[in-house]
Structures are given as C-alpha cells and as structure tokens.
C-alpha cells in the first residue's frame, strides 16, 4: 500500500509505503452460570480464548467490569439485577474491543424465605448470652447494642445463642436482634428485653421445739418462693405474700440440734438469699 501527499495546488510532496502486518484473528467464548434472584451476588462462569473484558446488560442498561482470570470470570451484579424477570446478557470482548461472544444469563427465581426469632429476656449484669428460639430459614444473626452492630452467634436445631457479655453493659441498653437467610435477606427483627437482676432478702423467725409447726419469716424484694432444708433434705412449699412467709413444718424439725436453712428464690429460680434458722426450746 502506498500513500501520497499533495499540496493545495496538486503538487506531489511525498510518497510513503505503508507496511501491513497480518495478525491472527481473535476468538473466545463465555459460558455464564444461571444466577439465583434473590440470592446470588455475582454472575459467574467460564471463558475460553482471548476474552479480556466484559459488559453486562440488565434491562437495556450496560455495565462494564468483572474479573477475568484462569478460565473463569466473576461480575458483581447484586446492585444491578433486582428481579427474576430482568433481561440479562453478557458480552465478551478481546483486548482491542472486538466483540467475541454474547450470551443470555439465565435467572432462577428462588421461593421467598421466611423465619422468626424469639429472644429470651436477659438479666444484666448476669447473663452472658442472648438466647432464644427460631423458626424457618434463619442462617445468620446481627445484634445491635446502642447503635453498634455485631455479627455472630450459633444457630442450630431451633435454638440460637449469641455471646454478649462484652457487648451489653447496662440493663438500660437498647438491644435488637436481626435474623437473615443464607442470601442475606432480613427475615425478622426483635427487641431484646433486658432487666436488672432480682434482689431480695429473707429473715426467718426462731423456730421453737416442741411447739411450733410452722416456720415463719419476713422478706424483701423479689422473693417468689422458698426452700427449707432440714438436715440436708430440701422441702418446697409455703406461702410467700405481702412480705411474709409461712411454711408448714409439722414434726420435721424435732430437735434443737437439727440444722435448718431457708432459701429465698426469685421468679427465675435463682437463689436470692439464704439464712440459717435458729431452733430453740
């Protein structure tokens, strides 16, 4: 090929030969995997040949990007493909920008997931974990304490546990728990109720033998029940009301040498106070 240059009057100024280099044509293919919506975050697949760049088209809108290496590609599409009814194509180009292949990306519609969580009331200080039950397709948890988010927890067999001892410092903290499916879809949000520990005291009266058949006492705070232990044997019962306790003993305490204690129990079954009972003639 020869190229000639002329001036405005038509006078020949220069003549040069243009060398033509012959290059082998490029070729390549792409094979995208079907993408699940909602769920998958990337269009992935394999390629052959001279593929160097990708263009994803979603409902007529083009996006450039993706990574291409070692026969595989990945193109982030979570913020681009919003519906299982979207029309999606992927184009492959060589390094010169020549189109090598165009493929339709198949979309699989997943059935909607559902799930719930039911956290148990926490005692702060005291409890080290948020625990509770779940239903459905819960796969991950996010705990929020006074605006700070934490990921973690264990989820199995209808129950969950999330370590919070270093996270929830006060019974006045605002605590929520969010449940997600395996694709990161939010399934449920629940407030985790917190309460201060139950407190209470018990003061037993002297029990006289022979004579008394009931053990009496006074209490303060959150006492809900009592346990009387006589020489190592525990007895449940009695009435606990309006600051007083009355527990029928009968002839179980027979001697001043009997060792008797009374335990004050809170609503959650925890011992709030334990006192020795004086047995006298």
C-alpha atoms as a PDB file:
ATOM      1  CA  UNK A   1       0.000   0.000   0.000  1.00  0.00           C
ATOM      2  CA  UNK A   2       1.304   3.462  -0.956  1.00  0.00           C
ATOM      3  CA  UNK A   3       0.190   6.773   0.470  1.00  0.00           C
ATOM      4  CA  UNK A   4       0.906  10.088  -1.338  1.00  0.00           C
ATOM      5  CA  UNK A   5       0.743  13.638  -0.002  1.00  0.00           C
ATOM      6  CA  UNK A   6      -0.168  16.697  -2.163  1.00  0.00           C
ATOM      7  CA  UNK A   7      -0.300  20.449  -1.572  1.00  0.00           C
ATOM      8  CA  UNK A   8      -3.248  22.716  -2.346  1.00  0.00           C
ATOM      9  CA  UNK A   9      -2.182  23.048  -5.997  1.00  0.00           C
ATOM     10  CA  UNK A  10      -1.991  19.323  -6.507  1.00  0.00           C
ATOM     11  CA  UNK A  11       1.782  19.122  -6.399  1.00  0.00           C
ATOM     12  CA  UNK A  12       3.097  15.778  -5.122  1.00  0.00           C
ATOM     13  CA  UNK A  13       5.030  16.363  -1.908  1.00  0.00           C
ATOM     14  CA  UNK A  14       5.799  12.886  -0.585  1.00  0.00           C
ATOM     15  CA  UNK A  15       5.226   9.215  -1.193  1.00  0.00           C
ATOM     16  CA  UNK A  16       5.431   6.505   1.506  1.00  0.00           C
ATOM     17  CA  UNK A  17       4.838   2.784   1.536  1.00  0.00           C
ATOM     18  CA  UNK A  18       2.542   1.540   4.335  1.00  0.00           C
ATOM     19  CA  UNK A  19       3.559  -1.798   5.761  1.00  0.00           C
ATOM     20  CA  UNK A  20       0.675  -4.099   6.622  1.00  0.00           C
ATOM     21  CA  UNK A  21       1.110  -6.598   9.438  1.00  0.00           C
ATOM     22  CA  UNK A  22      -1.085  -9.658   9.342  1.00  0.00           C
ATOM     23  CA  UNK A  23      -2.403 -10.734  12.788  1.00  0.00           C
ATOM     24  CA  UNK A  24      -4.298 -13.885  13.585  1.00  0.00           C
ATOM     25  CA  UNK A  25      -7.982 -13.268  14.333  1.00  0.00           C
ATOM     26  CA  UNK A  26      -9.004 -13.426  17.997  1.00  0.00           C
ATOM     27  CA  UNK A  27     -11.712 -15.751  19.286  1.00  0.00           C
ATOM     28  CA  UNK A  28     -13.320 -16.580  22.582  1.00  0.00           C
ATOM     29  CA  UNK A  29     -16.473 -17.763  24.283  1.00  0.00           C
ATOM     30  CA  UNK A  30     -18.196 -17.235  27.627  1.00  0.00           C
ATOM     31  CA  UNK A  31     -20.486 -19.623  29.500  1.00  0.00           C
ATOM     32  CA  UNK A  32     -22.314 -17.861  32.339  1.00  0.00           C
ATOM     33  CA  UNK A  33     -23.906 -19.923  35.101  1.00  0.00           C
ATOM     34  CA  UNK A  34     -27.547 -19.356  35.983  1.00  0.00           C
ATOM     35  CA  UNK A  35     -27.975 -16.751  38.729  1.00  0.00           C
ATOM     36  CA  UNK A  36     -30.477 -17.098  41.578  1.00  0.00           C
ATOM     37  CA  UNK A  37     -32.531 -13.989  42.364  1.00  0.00           C
ATOM     38  CA  UNK A  38     -32.804 -13.136  45.198  1.00  0.00           C
ATOM     39  CA  UNK A  39     -29.643 -14.763  46.460  1.00  0.00           C
ATOM     40  CA  UNK A  40     -26.579 -14.698  44.238  1.00  0.00           C
ATOM     41  CA  UNK A  41     -24.470 -11.552  44.206  1.00  0.00           C
ATOM     42  CA  UNK A  42     -22.340 -12.293  41.153  1.00  0.00           C
ATOM     43  CA  UNK A  43     -22.687 -13.546  37.607  1.00  0.00           C
ATOM     44  CA  UNK A  44     -20.025 -16.238  37.373  1.00  0.00           C
ATOM     45  CA  UNK A  45     -18.914 -18.590  34.639  1.00  0.00           C
ATOM     46  CA  UNK A  46     -16.111 -19.817  32.432  1.00  0.00           C
ATOM     47  CA  UNK A  47     -14.447 -18.468  29.294  1.00  0.00           C
ATOM     48  CA  UNK A  48     -12.180 -19.640  26.507  1.00  0.00           C
ATOM     49  CA  UNK A  49      -9.796 -17.886  24.169  1.00  0.00           C
ATOM     50  CA  UNK A  50      -8.937 -14.214  24.034  1.00  0.00           C
ATOM     51  CA  UNK A  51     -11.588 -12.735  26.336  1.00  0.00           C
ATOM     52  CA  UNK A  52     -10.211  -9.603  28.041  1.00  0.00           C
ATOM     53  CA  UNK A  53     -13.254  -7.579  29.092  1.00  0.00           C
ATOM     54  CA  UNK A  54     -16.963  -7.984  29.841  1.00  0.00           C
ATOM     55  CA  UNK A  55     -20.090  -5.895  29.511  1.00  0.00           C
ATOM     56  CA  UNK A  56     -23.224  -6.863  31.452  1.00  0.00           C
ATOM     57  CA  UNK A  57     -26.546  -5.570  30.157  1.00  0.00           C
ATOM     58  CA  UNK A  58     -29.550  -5.543  32.506  1.00  0.00           C
ATOM     59  CA  UNK A  59     -32.859  -4.407  31.040  1.00  0.00           C
ATOM     60  CA  UNK A  60     -31.031  -2.278  28.491  1.00  0.00           C
ATOM     61  CA  UNK A  61     -28.521  -0.707  30.873  1.00  0.00           C
ATOM     62  CA  UNK A  62     -24.865  -1.583  30.257  1.00  0.00           C
ATOM     63  CA  UNK A  63     -22.237  -2.091  32.954  1.00  0.00           C
ATOM     64  CA  UNK A  64     -18.518  -2.641  32.421  1.00  0.00           C
ATOM     65  CA  UNK A  65     -16.482  -4.608  34.926  1.00  0.00           C
ATOM     66  CA  UNK A  66     -15.850  -8.075  36.242  1.00  0.00           C
ATOM     67  CA  UNK A  67     -12.713 -10.089  36.837  1.00  0.00           C
ATOM     68  CA  UNK A  68     -11.291 -12.485  34.244  1.00  0.00           C
ATOM     69  CA  UNK A  69      -8.570 -14.993  35.101  1.00  0.00           C
ATOM     70  CA  UNK A  70      -7.582 -18.630  34.679  1.00  0.00           C
ATOM     71  CA  UNK A  71     -10.588 -19.572  32.584  1.00  0.00           C
ATOM     72  CA  UNK A  72     -13.163 -18.139  34.989  1.00  0.00           C
ATOM     73  CA  UNK A  73     -14.935 -14.817  35.354  1.00  0.00           C
ATOM     74  CA  UNK A  74     -16.984 -13.049  38.012  1.00  0.00           C
ATOM     75  CA  UNK A  75     -19.117  -9.932  37.599  1.00  0.00           C
ATOM     76  CA  UNK A  76     -20.704  -8.245  40.653  1.00  0.00           C
ATOM     77  CA  UNK A  77     -24.419  -7.893  39.936  1.00  0.00           C
ATOM     78  CA  UNK A  78     -26.133  -7.594  43.342  1.00  0.00           C
ATOM     79  CA  UNK A  79     -26.933  -3.903  42.812  1.00  0.00           C
ATOM     80  CA  UNK A  80     -27.813  -4.393  39.154  1.00  0.00           C
ATOM     81  CA  UNK A  81     -30.124  -7.412  38.844  1.00  0.00           C
ATOM     82  CA  UNK A  82     -33.097  -6.733  41.099  1.00  0.00           C
ATOM     83  CA  UNK A  83     -35.751  -9.004  39.645  1.00  0.00           C
ATOM     84  CA  UNK A  84     -36.031 -12.556  38.416  1.00  0.00           C
ATOM     85  CA  UNK A  85     -37.839 -11.134  35.366  1.00  0.00           C
ATOM     86  CA  UNK A  86     -34.921  -8.922  34.273  1.00  0.00           C
ATOM     87  CA  UNK A  87     -33.399  -9.465  30.832  1.00  0.00           C
ATOM     88  CA  UNK A  88     -29.678 -10.007  31.272  1.00  0.00           C
ATOM     89  CA  UNK A  89     -26.943 -10.541  28.679  1.00  0.00           C
ATOM     90  CA  UNK A  90     -23.178 -10.737  28.947  1.00  0.00           C
ATOM     91  CA  UNK A  91     -20.783  -9.728  26.162  1.00  0.00           C
ATOM     92  CA  UNK A  92     -17.137 -10.743  25.882  1.00  0.00           C
ATOM     93  CA  UNK A  93     -14.507  -8.600  24.112  1.00  0.00           C
ATOM     94  CA  UNK A  94     -10.864  -9.067  23.152  1.00  0.00           C
ATOM     95  CA  UNK A  95      -8.139  -6.592  24.130  1.00  0.00           C
ATOM     96  CA  UNK A  96      -8.851  -4.475  21.038  1.00  0.00           C
ATOM     97  CA  UNK A  97     -12.516  -4.147  21.973  1.00  0.00           C
ATOM     98  CA  UNK A  98     -13.766  -6.577  19.341  1.00  0.00           C
ATOM     99  CA  UNK A  99     -16.905  -8.475  20.323  1.00  0.00           C
ATOM    100  CA  UNK A 100     -16.183 -12.185  20.668  1.00  0.00           C
ATOM    101  CA  UNK A 101     -19.344 -13.644  22.207  1.00  0.00           C
ATOM    102  CA  UNK A 102     -22.759 -12.717  23.602  1.00  0.00           C
ATOM    103  CA  UNK A 103     -24.706 -14.905  25.998  1.00  0.00           C
ATOM    104  CA  UNK A 104     -28.005 -14.613  27.823  1.00  0.00           C
ATOM    105  CA  UNK A 105     -27.714 -15.004  31.599  1.00  0.00           C
ATOM    106  CA  UNK A 106     -30.401 -17.353  32.891  1.00  0.00           C
ATOM    107  CA  UNK A 107     -32.152 -16.201  36.069  1.00  0.00           C
ATOM    108  CA  UNK A 108     -33.545 -18.702  38.549  1.00  0.00           C
ATOM    109  CA  UNK A 109     -36.278 -17.370  40.821  1.00  0.00           C
ATOM    110  CA  UNK A 110     -35.976 -18.611  44.394  1.00  0.00           C
ATOM    111  CA  UNK A 111     -39.026 -19.162  46.556  1.00  0.00           C
ATOM    112  CA  UNK A 112     -39.280 -16.420  49.195  1.00  0.00           C
ATOM    113  CA  UNK A 113     -37.733 -17.319  52.528  1.00  0.00           C
ATOM    114  CA  UNK A 114     -39.291 -16.741  55.950  1.00  0.00           C
ATOM    115  CA  UNK A 115     -38.246 -17.068  59.559  1.00  0.00           C
ATOM    116  CA  UNK A 116     -38.727 -15.671  63.045  1.00  0.00           C
ATOM    117  CA  UNK A 117     -36.671 -15.268  66.206  1.00  0.00           C
ATOM    118  CA  UNK A 118     -37.858 -15.143  69.820  1.00  0.00           C
ATOM    119  CA  UNK A 119     -35.145 -13.915  72.202  1.00  0.00           C
ATOM    120  CA  UNK A 120     -35.395 -14.558  75.945  1.00  0.00           C
ATOM    121  CA  UNK A 121     -35.325 -11.656  78.407  1.00  0.00           C
ATOM    122  CA  UNK A 122     -31.748 -11.008  79.598  1.00  0.00           C
ATOM    123  CA  UNK A 123     -30.618 -10.199  83.121  1.00  0.00           C
ATOM    124  CA  UNK A 124     -27.894  -7.527  83.130  1.00  0.00           C
ATOM    125  CA  UNK A 125     -25.492  -7.882  84.853  1.00  0.00           C
ATOM    126  CA  UNK A 126     -25.594 -11.652  84.929  1.00  0.00           C
ATOM    127  CA  UNK A 127     -26.415 -13.335  81.638  1.00  0.00           C
ATOM    128  CA  UNK A 128     -23.556 -13.773  79.183  1.00  0.00           C
ATOM    129  CA  UNK A 129     -25.588 -14.703  76.096  1.00  0.00           C
ATOM    130  CA  UNK A 130     -28.724 -13.704  74.265  1.00  0.00           C
ATOM    131  CA  UNK A 131     -30.551 -16.982  73.806  1.00  0.00           C
ATOM    132  CA  UNK A 132     -33.838 -17.894  72.201  1.00  0.00           C
ATOM    133  CA  UNK A 133     -35.631 -19.910  69.573  1.00  0.00           C
ATOM    134  CA  UNK A 134     -36.073 -19.504  65.835  1.00  0.00           C
ATOM    135  CA  UNK A 135     -38.279 -20.816  63.050  1.00  0.00           C
ATOM    136  CA  UNK A 136     -37.816 -21.101  59.322  1.00  0.00           C
ATOM    137  CA  UNK A 137     -34.720 -20.318  57.311  1.00  0.00           C
ATOM    138  CA  UNK A 138     -32.696 -18.222  59.739  1.00  0.00           C
ATOM    139  CA  UNK A 139     -28.984 -18.595  58.894  1.00  0.00           C
ATOM    140  CA  UNK A 140     -27.266 -15.586  60.477  1.00  0.00           C
ATOM    141  CA  UNK A 141     -27.773 -13.007  63.214  1.00  0.00           C
ATOM    142  CA  UNK A 142     -26.835  -9.375  63.784  1.00  0.00           C
ATOM    143  CA  UNK A 143     -27.017  -7.941  67.306  1.00  0.00           C
ATOM    144  CA  UNK A 144     -27.282  -4.174  67.731  1.00  0.00           C
ATOM    145  CA  UNK A 145     -26.410  -2.646  71.109  1.00  0.00           C
ATOM    146  CA  UNK A 146     -26.929   1.096  71.457  1.00  0.00           C
ATOM    147  CA  UNK A 147     -26.409   1.526  67.719  1.00  0.00           C
ATOM    148  CA  UNK A 148     -23.335  -0.701  67.380  1.00  0.00           C
ATOM    149  CA  UNK A 149     -23.746  -3.839  65.234  1.00  0.00           C
ATOM    150  CA  UNK A 150     -22.155  -7.220  65.921  1.00  0.00           C
ATOM    151  CA  UNK A 151     -22.282 -10.321  63.724  1.00  0.00           C
ATOM    152  CA  UNK A 152     -22.069 -13.794  65.220  1.00  0.00           C
ATOM    153  CA  UNK A 153     -23.976 -16.327  67.245  1.00  0.00           C
ATOM    154  CA  UNK A 154     -24.710 -20.006  66.798  1.00  0.00           C
ATOM    155  CA  UNK A 155     -27.900 -21.255  65.151  1.00  0.00           C
ATOM    156  CA  UNK A 156     -28.960 -24.900  65.285  1.00  0.00           C
ATOM    157  CA  UNK A 157     -31.932 -27.155  65.944  1.00  0.00           C
ATOM    158  CA  UNK A 158     -34.417 -24.351  66.502  1.00  0.00           C
ATOM    159  CA  UNK A 159     -32.294 -22.519  69.078  1.00  0.00           C
ATOM    160  CA  UNK A 160     -29.743 -19.712  68.935  1.00  0.00           C
ATOM    161  CA  UNK A 161     -27.110 -18.260  71.251  1.00  0.00           C
ATOM    162  CA  UNK A 162     -25.170 -15.014  70.853  1.00  0.00           C
ATOM    163  CA  UNK A 163     -22.324 -14.106  73.227  1.00  0.00           C
ATOM    164  CA  UNK A 164     -22.965 -10.622  74.640  1.00  0.00           C
ATOM    165  CA  UNK A 165     -21.023 -10.399  77.908  1.00  0.00           C
ATOM    166  CA  UNK A 166     -18.606  -7.844  76.421  1.00  0.00           C
ATOM    167  CA  UNK A 167     -21.300  -6.009  74.494  1.00  0.00           C
ATOM    168  CA  UNK A 168     -24.300  -5.354  76.773  1.00  0.00           C
ATOM    169  CA  UNK A 169     -23.075  -3.465  79.834  1.00  0.00           C
ATOM    170  CA  UNK A 170     -26.287  -1.993  81.191  1.00  0.00           C
ATOM    171  CA  UNK A 171     -29.877  -3.052  81.708  1.00  0.00           C
ATOM    172  CA  UNK A 172     -30.852   0.270  80.085  1.00  0.00           C
ATOM    173  CA  UNK A 173     -29.092  -0.534  76.790  1.00  0.00           C
ATOM    174  CA  UNK A 174     -31.193  -0.631  73.630  1.00  0.00           C
ATOM    175  CA  UNK A 175     -30.720  -4.083  72.129  1.00  0.00           C
ATOM    176  CA  UNK A 176     -32.166  -5.539  68.921  1.00  0.00           C
ATOM    177  CA  UNK A 177     -31.527  -8.808  67.125  1.00  0.00           C
ATOM    178  CA  UNK A 178     -31.949  -9.290  63.378  1.00  0.00           C
ATOM    179  CA  UNK A 179     -32.297 -12.634  61.605  1.00  0.00           C
ATOM    180  CA  UNK A 180     -31.195 -13.199  57.992  1.00  0.00           C
ATOM    181  CA  UNK A 181     -31.487 -16.028  55.478  1.00  0.00           C
ATOM    182  CA  UNK A 182     -28.477 -17.512  53.680  1.00  0.00           C
ATOM    183  CA  UNK A 183     -28.679 -14.845  50.974  1.00  0.00           C
ATOM    184  CA  UNK A 184     -28.551 -12.014  53.483  1.00  0.00           C
ATOM    185  CA  UNK A 185     -32.254 -11.196  53.284  1.00  0.00           C
ATOM    186  CA  UNK A 186     -33.699  -9.774  56.503  1.00  0.00           C
ATOM    187  CA  UNK A 187     -36.344 -12.123  57.917  1.00  0.00           C
ATOM    188  CA  UNK A 188     -37.136 -10.751  61.374  1.00  0.00           C
ATOM    189  CA  UNK A 189     -36.162  -8.049  63.864  1.00  0.00           C
ATOM    190  CA  UNK A 190     -36.846  -8.322  67.579  1.00  0.00           C
ATOM    191  CA  UNK A 191     -36.090  -6.167  70.593  1.00  0.00           C
ATOM    192  CA  UNK A 192     -34.106  -7.996  73.262  1.00  0.00           C
ATOM    193  CA  UNK A 193     -35.587  -7.057  76.612  1.00  0.00           C
ATOM    194  CA  UNK A 194     -33.152  -6.557  79.466  1.00  0.00           C
ATOM    195  CA  UNK A 195     -33.783  -6.413  83.187  1.00  0.00           C
ATOM    196  CA  UNK A 196     -31.714  -5.799  86.280  1.00  0.00           C
ATOM    197  CA  UNK A 197     -31.022  -8.841  88.486  1.00  0.00           C
ATOM    198  CA  UNK A 198     -33.659  -9.800  91.002  1.00  0.00           C
ATOM    199  CA  UNK A 199     -32.710  -8.978  94.595  1.00  0.00           C
ATOM    200  CA  UNK A 200     -34.250  -9.983  97.881  1.00  0.00           C
ATOM    201  CA  UNK A 201     -33.568 -10.906 101.481  1.00  0.00           C
ATOM    202  CA  UNK A 202     -35.200 -13.253 103.959  1.00  0.00           C
ATOM    203  CA  UNK A 203     -35.222 -13.114 107.766  1.00  0.00           C
ATOM    204  CA  UNK A 204     -36.560 -16.259 109.481  1.00  0.00           C
ATOM    205  CA  UNK A 205     -38.101 -16.246 112.948  1.00  0.00           C
ATOM    206  CA  UNK A 206     -36.771 -18.552 115.658  1.00  0.00           C
ATOM    207  CA  UNK A 207     -38.414 -21.966 115.453  1.00  0.00           C
ATOM    208  CA  UNK A 208     -39.312 -23.433 118.842  1.00  0.00           C
ATOM    209  CA  UNK A 209     -39.407 -27.148 119.662  1.00  0.00           C
ATOM    210  CA  UNK A 210     -41.581 -28.520 120.843  1.00  0.00           C
ATOM    211  CA  UNK A 211     -44.473 -26.282 119.951  1.00  0.00           C
ATOM    212  CA  UNK A 212     -44.125 -24.592 116.522  1.00  0.00           C
ATOM    213  CA  UNK A 213     -45.456 -26.359 113.435  1.00  0.00           C
ATOM    214  CA  UNK A 214     -44.918 -23.500 111.011  1.00  0.00           C
ATOM    215  CA  UNK A 215     -41.725 -21.742 110.088  1.00  0.00           C
ATOM    216  CA  UNK A 216     -42.301 -18.034 109.545  1.00  0.00           C
ATOM    217  CA  UNK A 217     -40.121 -15.329 108.060  1.00  0.00           C
ATOM    218  CA  UNK A 218     -40.179 -11.877 106.550  1.00  0.00           C
ATOM    219  CA  UNK A 219     -38.713 -10.973 103.169  1.00  0.00           C
ATOM    220  CA  UNK A 220     -37.869  -8.001 100.985  1.00  0.00           C
ATOM    221  CA  UNK A 221     -37.519  -7.548  97.235  1.00  0.00           C
ATOM    222  CA  UNK A 222     -38.219 -10.072  94.508  1.00  0.00           C
ATOM    223  CA  UNK A 223     -38.710 -13.252  96.546  1.00  0.00           C
ATOM    224  CA  UNK A 224     -41.265 -15.539  94.870  1.00  0.00           C
ATOM    225  CA  UNK A 225     -40.787 -18.868  96.672  1.00  0.00           C
ATOM    226  CA  UNK A 226     -38.757 -20.522  99.411  1.00  0.00           C
ATOM    227  CA  UNK A 227     -36.941 -23.788 100.051  1.00  0.00           C
ATOM    228  CA  UNK A 228     -36.455 -25.076 103.597  1.00  0.00           C
ATOM    229  CA  UNK A 229     -33.616 -27.548 104.141  1.00  0.00           C
ATOM    230  CA  UNK A 230     -33.718 -29.733 107.264  1.00  0.00           C
ATOM    231  CA  UNK A 231     -30.660 -31.851 107.953  1.00  0.00           C
ATOM    232  CA  UNK A 232     -29.791 -31.903 104.252  1.00  0.00           C
ATOM    233  CA  UNK A 233     -33.296 -32.648 102.969  1.00  0.00           C
ATOM    234  CA  UNK A 234     -34.897 -29.922 100.870  1.00  0.00           C
ATOM    235  CA  UNK A 235     -38.612 -29.095 101.168  1.00  0.00           C
ATOM    236  CA  UNK A 236     -40.513 -26.834  98.770  1.00  0.00           C
ATOM    237  CA  UNK A 237     -43.777 -25.148  99.650  1.00  0.00           C
ATOM    238  CA  UNK A 238     -45.133 -22.473 101.922  1.00  0.00           C
ATOM    239  CA  UNK A 239     -46.869 -19.234 101.129  1.00  0.00           C
ATOM    240  CA  UNK A 240     -44.992 -16.097 100.140  1.00  0.00           C
ATOM    241  CA  UNK A 241     -47.067 -12.935 100.183  1.00  0.00           C
ATOM    242  CA  UNK A 242     -47.016  -9.330 101.338  1.00  0.00           C
ATOM    243  CA  UNK A 243     -43.550  -9.551 102.840  1.00  0.00           C
ATOM    244  CA  UNK A 244     -44.177 -12.633 104.979  1.00  0.00           C
ATOM    245  CA  UNK A 245     -43.517 -16.355 104.626  1.00  0.00           C
ATOM    246  CA  UNK A 246     -45.414 -19.192 106.283  1.00  0.00           C
ATOM    247  CA  UNK A 247     -44.160 -22.759 105.789  1.00  0.00           C
ATOM    248  CA  UNK A 248     -45.842 -25.769 107.403  1.00  0.00           C
ATOM    249  CA  UNK A 249     -43.176 -27.912 109.057  1.00  0.00           C
ATOM    250  CA  UNK A 250     -45.204 -30.282 111.212  1.00  0.00           C
ATOM    251  CA  UNK A 251     -42.835 -32.549 113.083  1.00  0.00           C
ATOM    252  CA  UNK A 252     -39.951 -32.374 110.602  1.00  0.00           C
ATOM    253  CA  UNK A 253     -37.950 -30.187 112.994  1.00  0.00           C
ATOM    254  CA  UNK A 254     -37.799 -32.151 116.242  1.00  0.00           C
ATOM    255  CA  UNK A 255     -34.610 -31.072 117.993  1.00  0.00           C
ATOM    256  CA  UNK A 256     -32.522 -28.002 118.669  1.00  0.00           C
ATOM    257  CA  UNK A 257     -29.645 -29.891 117.055  1.00  0.00           C
ATOM    258  CA  UNK A 258     -31.430 -30.005 113.700  1.00  0.00           C
ATOM    259  CA  UNK A 259     -29.689 -27.953 111.009  1.00  0.00           C
ATOM    260  CA  UNK A 260     -32.244 -25.799 109.215  1.00  0.00           C
ATOM    261  CA  UNK A 261     -31.819 -23.220 106.443  1.00  0.00           C
ATOM    262  CA  UNK A 262     -34.267 -21.249 104.329  1.00  0.00           C
ATOM    263  CA  UNK A 263     -33.562 -20.051 100.789  1.00  0.00           C
ATOM    264  CA  UNK A 264     -35.329 -17.141  99.095  1.00  0.00           C
ATOM    265  CA  UNK A 265     -35.934 -17.875  95.401  1.00  0.00           C
ATOM    266  CA  UNK A 266     -36.589 -15.353  92.606  1.00  0.00           C
ATOM    267  CA  UNK A 267     -39.012 -15.714  89.706  1.00  0.00           C
ATOM    268  CA  UNK A 268     -36.313 -17.281  87.518  1.00  0.00           C
ATOM    269  CA  UNK A 269     -35.438 -19.902  90.118  1.00  0.00           C
ATOM    270  CA  UNK A 270     -32.244 -18.218  91.260  1.00  0.00           C
ATOM    271  CA  UNK A 271     -31.381 -18.104  94.960  1.00  0.00           C
ATOM    272  CA  UNK A 272     -31.547 -14.524  96.228  1.00  0.00           C
ATOM    273  CA  UNK A 273     -30.705 -15.130  99.884  1.00  0.00           C
ATOM    274  CA  UNK A 274     -30.024 -17.990 102.304  1.00  0.00           C
ATOM    275  CA  UNK A 275     -30.323 -17.825 106.073  1.00  0.00           C
ATOM    276  CA  UNK A 276     -29.861 -20.262 108.946  1.00  0.00           C
ATOM    277  CA  UNK A 277     -32.955 -20.883 111.053  1.00  0.00           C
ATOM    278  CA  UNK A 278     -32.413 -20.801 114.799  1.00  0.00           C
ATOM    279  CA  UNK A 279     -34.076 -23.773 116.542  1.00  0.00           C
ATOM    280  CA  UNK A 280     -34.646 -23.269 120.251  1.00  0.00           C
ATOM    281  CA  UNK A 281     -36.639 -24.682 123.162  1.00  0.00           C
END
